[in-house]
Amino acid sequence: MLLGSAITFAATPPEVNEKVLKAFHETFKDPKDVNWHEYENYYEVEFKQDEIKTQVRYDSDGNLTGTTRYYFEKQLPPYIIANLKKKYPQRTVYGVTEIYTENDLQYYVTMEDEKNWYTVKSNPLGSLEQTEKFKKAATK
């Protein structure tokens, strides 16, 4: 156990204050590939937990102010998956970017079909809106 703690703290820059470290370790159990960044008004930590790549932002008092998570279809809430399948039956989900701020949560779902890439935005209630469409590069 001491070795695990030493490894975690060895990868943590000394600028990260104890309040932030405590909040992080209380919230996220067994994170992998932890990398800290210090900015003027906040700290950001990047890590992997299970199959999810995560970025978390904290203020200097250890308050979580936002997250960005990258994952796949199976981690989406079931009602959002159901709405995507119903509204876009010919498309498949490629990946998801989930963005949480102190007063908002949005899911940006990258979908594809044979010819195009799409970005579909969903709120936590599963209301869908296509925000982008790009043609795939022609392959020979």
C-alpha atoms as a PDB file:
ATOM      1  CA  MET A   1       0.000   0.000   0.000  1.00  0.00           C
ATOM      2  CA  LEU A   2       2.826   2.402   0.785  1.00  0.00           C
ATOM      3  CA  LEU A   3       4.363   1.716  -2.605  1.00  0.00           C
ATOM      4  CA  GLY A   4       1.049   2.613  -4.331  1.00  0.00           C
ATOM      5  CA  SER A   5       0.853   5.873  -2.384  1.00  0.00           C
ATOM      6  CA  ALA A   6       4.455   6.706  -3.210  1.00  0.00           C
ATOM      7  CA  ILE A   7       3.827   6.141  -6.897  1.00  0.00           C
ATOM      8  CA  THR A   8       0.716   8.336  -6.882  1.00  0.00           C
ATOM      9  CA  PHE A   9       2.440  11.178  -5.074  1.00  0.00           C
ATOM     10  CA  ALA A  10       5.629  10.852  -7.109  1.00  0.00           C
ATOM     11  CA  ALA A  11       3.580  11.539 -10.237  1.00  0.00           C
ATOM     12  CA  THR A  12       1.890  14.524  -8.563  1.00  0.00           C
ATOM     13  CA  PRO A  13       3.606  17.899  -8.961  1.00  0.00           C
ATOM     14  CA  PRO A  14       4.294  19.600  -5.628  1.00  0.00           C
ATOM     15  CA  GLU A  15       2.190  22.647  -6.633  1.00  0.00           C
ATOM     16  CA  VAL A  16      -1.084  20.733  -6.144  1.00  0.00           C
ATOM     17  CA  ASN A  17      -2.358  21.703  -2.719  1.00  0.00           C
ATOM     18  CA  GLU A  18      -3.570  19.244  -0.091  1.00  0.00           C
ATOM     19  CA  LYS A  19      -7.255  20.279  -0.361  1.00  0.00           C
ATOM     20  CA  VAL A  20      -7.272  19.443  -4.054  1.00  0.00           C
ATOM     21  CA  LEU A  21      -5.402  16.161  -3.598  1.00  0.00           C
ATOM     22  CA  LYS A  22      -7.727  15.124  -0.773  1.00  0.00           C
ATOM     23  CA  ALA A  23     -10.846  15.903  -2.852  1.00  0.00           C
ATOM     24  CA  PHE A  24      -9.433  13.953  -5.791  1.00  0.00           C
ATOM     25  CA  HIS A  25      -8.534  10.860  -3.766  1.00  0.00           C
ATOM     26  CA  GLU A  26     -11.889  10.867  -1.936  1.00  0.00           C
ATOM     27  CA  THR A  27     -13.805  10.969  -5.234  1.00  0.00           C
ATOM     28  CA  PHE A  28     -11.788   8.744  -7.564  1.00  0.00           C
ATOM     29  CA  LYS A  29     -10.674   5.315  -6.424  1.00  0.00           C
ATOM     30  CA  ASP A  30      -7.793   3.605  -8.227  1.00  0.00           C
ATOM     31  CA  PRO A  31      -7.196   6.108 -11.077  1.00  0.00           C
ATOM     32  CA  LYS A  32      -4.566   5.167 -13.678  1.00  0.00           C
ATOM     33  CA  ASP A  33      -2.072   7.342 -15.606  1.00  0.00           C
ATOM     34  CA  VAL A  34      -2.669  10.419 -13.414  1.00  0.00           C
ATOM     35  CA  ASN A  35      -1.262  13.719 -14.747  1.00  0.00           C
ATOM     36  CA  TRP A  36      -1.736  17.065 -13.001  1.00  0.00           C
ATOM     37  CA  HIS A  37      -1.660  20.546 -14.553  1.00  0.00           C
ATOM     38  CA  GLU A  38      -1.739  23.854 -12.715  1.00  0.00           C
ATOM     39  CA  TYR A  39      -3.324  26.922 -14.321  1.00  0.00           C
ATOM     40  CA  GLU A  40      -3.802  30.448 -13.035  1.00  0.00           C
ATOM     41  CA  ASN A  41      -7.172  29.873 -11.347  1.00  0.00           C
ATOM     42  CA  TYR A  42      -7.562  26.092 -11.227  1.00  0.00           C
ATOM     43  CA  TYR A  43      -5.975  22.662 -11.255  1.00  0.00           C
ATOM     44  CA  GLU A  44      -6.727  20.004 -13.839  1.00  0.00           C
ATOM     45  CA  VAL A  45      -6.057  16.304 -13.525  1.00  0.00           C
ATOM     46  CA  GLU A  46      -6.197  13.805 -16.382  1.00  0.00           C
ATOM     47  CA  PHE A  47      -6.498  10.080 -15.716  1.00  0.00           C
ATOM     48  CA  LYS A  48      -8.172   6.857 -16.749  1.00  0.00           C
ATOM     49  CA  GLN A  49     -10.673   4.993 -14.640  1.00  0.00           C
ATOM     50  CA  ASP A  50     -12.046   1.742 -16.003  1.00  0.00           C
ATOM     51  CA  GLU A  51     -12.402   2.437 -19.750  1.00  0.00           C
ATOM     52  CA  ILE A  52     -13.095   6.154 -19.332  1.00  0.00           C
ATOM     53  CA  LYS A  53     -10.523   8.899 -19.988  1.00  0.00           C
ATOM     54  CA  THR A  54     -11.350  11.770 -17.637  1.00  0.00           C
ATOM     55  CA  GLN A  55     -10.286  15.380 -17.070  1.00  0.00           C
ATOM     56  CA  VAL A  56     -11.378  17.027 -13.811  1.00  0.00           C
ATOM     57  CA  ARG A  57     -11.014  20.679 -12.823  1.00  0.00           C
ATOM     58  CA  TYR A  58     -10.753  21.892  -9.224  1.00  0.00           C
ATOM     59  CA  ASP A  59     -10.534  25.333  -7.694  1.00  0.00           C
ATOM     60  CA  SER A  60      -7.841  25.941  -5.048  1.00  0.00           C
ATOM     61  CA  ASP A  61     -10.272  24.998  -2.250  1.00  0.00           C
ATOM     62  CA  GLY A  62     -10.719  21.492  -3.689  1.00  0.00           C
ATOM     63  CA  ASN A  63     -14.160  22.136  -5.175  1.00  0.00           C
ATOM     64  CA  LEU A  64     -14.834  20.196  -8.375  1.00  0.00           C
ATOM     65  CA  THR A  65     -15.807  22.776 -11.009  1.00  0.00           C
ATOM     66  CA  GLY A  66     -16.053  20.657 -14.143  1.00  0.00           C
ATOM     67  CA  THR A  67     -15.332  17.372 -15.856  1.00  0.00           C
ATOM     68  CA  THR A  68     -14.800  16.129 -19.378  1.00  0.00           C
ATOM     69  CA  ARG A  69     -15.084  12.401 -19.936  1.00  0.00           C
ATOM     70  CA  TYR A  70     -14.465  10.364 -23.087  1.00  0.00           C
ATOM     71  CA  TYR A  71     -16.082   6.963 -23.476  1.00  0.00           C
ATOM     72  CA  PHE A  72     -18.126   4.609 -25.643  1.00  0.00           C
ATOM     73  CA  GLU A  73     -21.803   3.903 -26.233  1.00  0.00           C
ATOM     74  CA  LYS A  74     -22.147   1.357 -23.427  1.00  0.00           C
ATOM     75  CA  GLN A  75     -21.380   4.026 -20.785  1.00  0.00           C
ATOM     76  CA  LEU A  76     -24.175   6.344 -21.977  1.00  0.00           C
ATOM     77  CA  PRO A  77     -27.424   6.357 -19.991  1.00  0.00           C
ATOM     78  CA  PRO A  78     -29.802   3.763 -21.520  1.00  0.00           C
ATOM     79  CA  TYR A  79     -32.524   6.278 -22.394  1.00  0.00           C
ATOM     80  CA  ILE A  80     -30.052   8.330 -24.465  1.00  0.00           C
ATOM     81  CA  ILE A  81     -28.956   5.177 -26.320  1.00  0.00           C
ATOM     82  CA  ALA A  82     -32.616   4.319 -26.971  1.00  0.00           C
ATOM     83  CA  ASN A  83     -33.325   7.826 -28.309  1.00  0.00           C
ATOM     84  CA  LEU A  84     -30.254   7.720 -30.573  1.00  0.00           C
ATOM     85  CA  LYS A  85     -31.264   4.306 -32.004  1.00  0.00           C
ATOM     86  CA  LYS A  86     -34.818   5.502 -32.593  1.00  0.00           C
ATOM     87  CA  LYS A  87     -33.943   8.858 -34.184  1.00  0.00           C
ATOM     88  CA  TYR A  88     -30.842   7.707 -36.127  1.00  0.00           C
ATOM     89  CA  PRO A  89     -31.342   3.979 -36.878  1.00  0.00           C
ATOM     90  CA  GLN A  90     -28.846   3.894 -39.765  1.00  0.00           C
ATOM     91  CA  ARG A  91     -25.972   5.337 -37.705  1.00  0.00           C
ATOM     92  CA  THR A  92     -23.613   3.797 -35.181  1.00  0.00           C
ATOM     93  CA  VAL A  93     -22.049   5.472 -32.159  1.00  0.00           C
ATOM     94  CA  TYR A  94     -18.302   5.975 -32.494  1.00  0.00           C
ATOM     95  CA  GLY A  95     -17.633   7.749 -29.184  1.00  0.00           C
ATOM     96  CA  VAL A  96     -18.967  10.121 -26.545  1.00  0.00           C
ATOM     97  CA  THR A  97     -17.658  13.318 -24.960  1.00  0.00           C
ATOM     98  CA  GLU A  98     -19.482  14.217 -21.740  1.00  0.00           C
ATOM     99  CA  ILE A  99     -18.985  17.766 -20.478  1.00  0.00           C
ATOM    100  CA  TYR A 100     -20.073  18.819 -16.987  1.00  0.00           C
ATOM    101  CA  THR A 101     -19.792  22.356 -15.673  1.00  0.00           C
ATOM    102  CA  GLU A 102     -21.155  23.685 -12.402  1.00  0.00           C
ATOM    103  CA  ASN A 103     -24.540  24.368 -13.990  1.00  0.00           C
ATOM    104  CA  ASP A 104     -24.750  22.152 -17.092  1.00  0.00           C
ATOM    105  CA  LEU A 105     -24.269  18.610 -18.366  1.00  0.00           C
ATOM    106  CA  GLN A 106     -24.145  17.785 -22.085  1.00  0.00           C
ATOM    107  CA  TYR A 107     -23.279  14.698 -24.093  1.00  0.00           C
ATOM    108  CA  TYR A 108     -21.667  15.077 -27.527  1.00  0.00           C
ATOM    109  CA  VAL A 109     -22.077  11.812 -29.394  1.00  0.00           C
ATOM    110  CA  THR A 110     -19.978  11.160 -32.489  1.00  0.00           C
ATOM    111  CA  MET A 111     -21.917   8.946 -34.890  1.00  0.00           C
ATOM    112  CA  GLU A 112     -21.189   7.572 -38.332  1.00  0.00           C
ATOM    113  CA  ASP A 113     -22.744   5.946 -41.338  1.00  0.00           C
ATOM    114  CA  GLU A 114     -21.090   4.830 -44.583  1.00  0.00           C
ATOM    115  CA  LYS A 115     -20.586   8.358 -45.931  1.00  0.00           C
ATOM    116  CA  ASN A 116     -20.619  10.817 -43.022  1.00  0.00           C
ATOM    117  CA  TRP A 117     -19.588  11.658 -39.459  1.00  0.00           C
ATOM    118  CA  TYR A 118     -22.113  13.423 -37.219  1.00  0.00           C
ATOM    119  CA  THR A 119     -22.065  15.128 -33.853  1.00  0.00           C
ATOM    120  CA  VAL A 120     -25.309  14.830 -31.917  1.00  0.00           C
ATOM    121  CA  LYS A 121     -25.764  16.803 -28.705  1.00  0.00           C
ATOM    122  CA  SER A 122     -27.933  15.410 -25.912  1.00  0.00           C
ATOM    123  CA  ASN A 123     -28.979  16.925 -22.635  1.00  0.00           C
ATOM    124  CA  PRO A 124     -29.369  14.696 -19.542  1.00  0.00           C
ATOM    125  CA  LEU A 125     -33.032  14.097 -20.444  1.00  0.00           C
ATOM    126  CA  GLY A 126     -32.158  12.618 -23.845  1.00  0.00           C
ATOM    127  CA  SER A 127     -33.271  15.516 -26.050  1.00  0.00           C
ATOM    128  CA  LEU A 128     -31.186  15.191 -29.240  1.00  0.00           C
ATOM    129  CA  GLU A 129     -29.901  17.817 -31.675  1.00  0.00           C
ATOM    130  CA  GLN A 130     -27.510  17.202 -34.557  1.00  0.00           C
ATOM    131  CA  THR A 131     -24.864  19.945 -34.425  1.00  0.00           C
ATOM    132  CA  GLU A 132     -22.356  18.851 -37.093  1.00  0.00           C
ATOM    133  CA  LYS A 133     -22.076  16.735 -40.221  1.00  0.00           C
ATOM    134  CA  PHE A 134     -18.860  15.935 -42.102  1.00  0.00           C
ATOM    135  CA  LYS A 135     -18.251  13.853 -45.208  1.00  0.00           C
ATOM    136  CA  LYS A 136     -15.855  10.973 -44.703  1.00  0.00           C
ATOM    137  CA  ALA A 137     -12.724  10.979 -46.788  1.00  0.00           C
ATOM    138  CA  ALA A 138     -13.018   8.900 -49.931  1.00  0.00           C
ATOM    139  CA  THR A 139     -11.156   5.610 -49.708  1.00  0.00           C
ATOM    140  CA  LYS A 140      -9.870   3.567 -52.623  1.00  0.00           C
END
